[in-house]
Protein backbone atom coordinates (compact mmCIF):
# COMPACT_ATOMS: atom_id res chain seq x y z
CA UNK A 1 132.64 103.67 111.19
CA UNK A 2 128.91 103.45 110.47
CA UNK A 3 127.83 102.34 107.03
CA UNK A 4 124.91 103.94 105.24
CA UNK A 5 121.87 101.71 104.82
CA UNK A 6 121.48 101.18 101.08
CA UNK A 7 117.84 100.04 101.04
CA UNK A 8 116.25 100.92 104.39
CA UNK A 9 112.78 99.70 103.36
CA UNK A 10 114.16 96.32 102.30
CA UNK A 11 116.28 96.01 105.43
CA UNK A 12 113.34 96.69 107.75
CA UNK A 13 110.90 94.45 105.85
CA UNK A 14 113.33 91.53 105.70
CA UNK A 15 113.92 91.69 109.44
CA UNK A 16 110.16 91.99 110.09
CA UNK A 17 109.36 88.95 107.95
CA UNK A 18 112.16 86.89 109.49
CA UNK A 19 111.08 87.67 113.04
CA UNK A 20 107.39 87.03 112.23
CA UNK A 21 108.38 83.45 111.38
CA UNK A 22 110.64 83.15 114.43
CA UNK A 23 113.67 82.55 112.23
CA UNK A 24 117.24 83.34 113.17
CA UNK A 25 119.81 84.99 110.97
CA UNK A 26 121.52 81.60 110.88
CA UNK A 27 118.32 80.02 109.49
CA UNK A 28 118.22 82.65 106.78
CA UNK A 29 121.89 82.17 105.93
CA UNK A 30 121.23 78.46 105.50
CA UNK A 31 118.27 79.21 103.21
CA UNK A 32 120.42 81.48 101.05
CA UNK A 33 123.45 79.19 101.31
CA UNK A 34 125.69 81.97 102.57
CA UNK A 35 127.54 82.82 105.75
CA UNK A 36 125.73 84.35 108.71
CA UNK A 37 127.90 87.46 108.36
CA UNK A 38 126.92 87.87 104.70
CA UNK A 39 123.24 87.51 105.61
CA UNK A 40 123.67 90.08 108.38
CA UNK A 41 125.11 92.51 105.84
CA UNK A 42 122.02 91.93 103.67
CA UNK A 43 119.62 92.46 106.57
CA UNK A 44 121.50 95.52 107.83
CA UNK A 45 121.27 97.02 104.33
CA UNK A 46 125.03 97.19 103.91
CA UNK A 47 125.17 95.48 100.52
CA UNK A 48 123.06 95.19 97.41
CA UNK A 49 121.78 91.72 96.65
CA UNK A 50 121.41 89.95 93.31
CA UNK A 51 117.95 89.79 91.80
CA UNK A 52 118.04 86.00 92.18
CA UNK A 53 118.41 86.40 95.97
CA UNK A 54 115.56 88.90 96.04
CA UNK A 55 113.34 86.41 94.20
CA UNK A 56 114.30 83.57 96.56
CA UNK A 57 113.36 85.70 99.56
CA UNK A 58 110.09 86.93 98.03
CA UNK A 59 109.06 83.37 97.15
CA UNK A 60 110.08 82.03 100.55
CA UNK A 61 108.04 84.63 102.43
CA UNK A 62 105.17 84.58 99.90
CA UNK A 63 105.32 88.31 99.22
CA UNK A 64 105.91 90.45 96.15
CA UNK A 65 109.35 91.87 95.46
CA UNK A 66 107.82 95.35 95.79
CA UNK A 67 106.66 94.48 99.28
CA UNK A 68 110.07 93.08 100.18
CA UNK A 69 111.74 96.23 98.90
CA UNK A 70 109.41 98.36 101.00
CA UNK A 71 107.82 99.94 97.94
CA UNK A 72 104.30 98.89 98.90
CA UNK A 73 102.61 98.11 102.17
CA UNK A 74 100.74 95.18 100.68
CA UNK A 75 102.01 91.77 101.73
CA UNK A 76 100.01 90.04 98.99
CA UNK A 77 101.93 88.43 96.22
CA UNK A 78 100.45 89.21 92.82
CA UNK A 79 99.76 86.16 90.67
């Protein structure tokens, strides 16, 4: 059974940012203090994440939440 991707823009951007830093899914799971499987579900767009997790990821990668969600192409974080 294939699950629908909930936030395809977020899923793609998260994977892009992770790979650009040569990080593994295990590295990301450690950052978020979750299991690798749970992180995979986040990256595959299978679950919604809490706002606090979204903020952690945006701050870690130095991008805006809009960028992370795929709502804007800009990687710049607004101050």
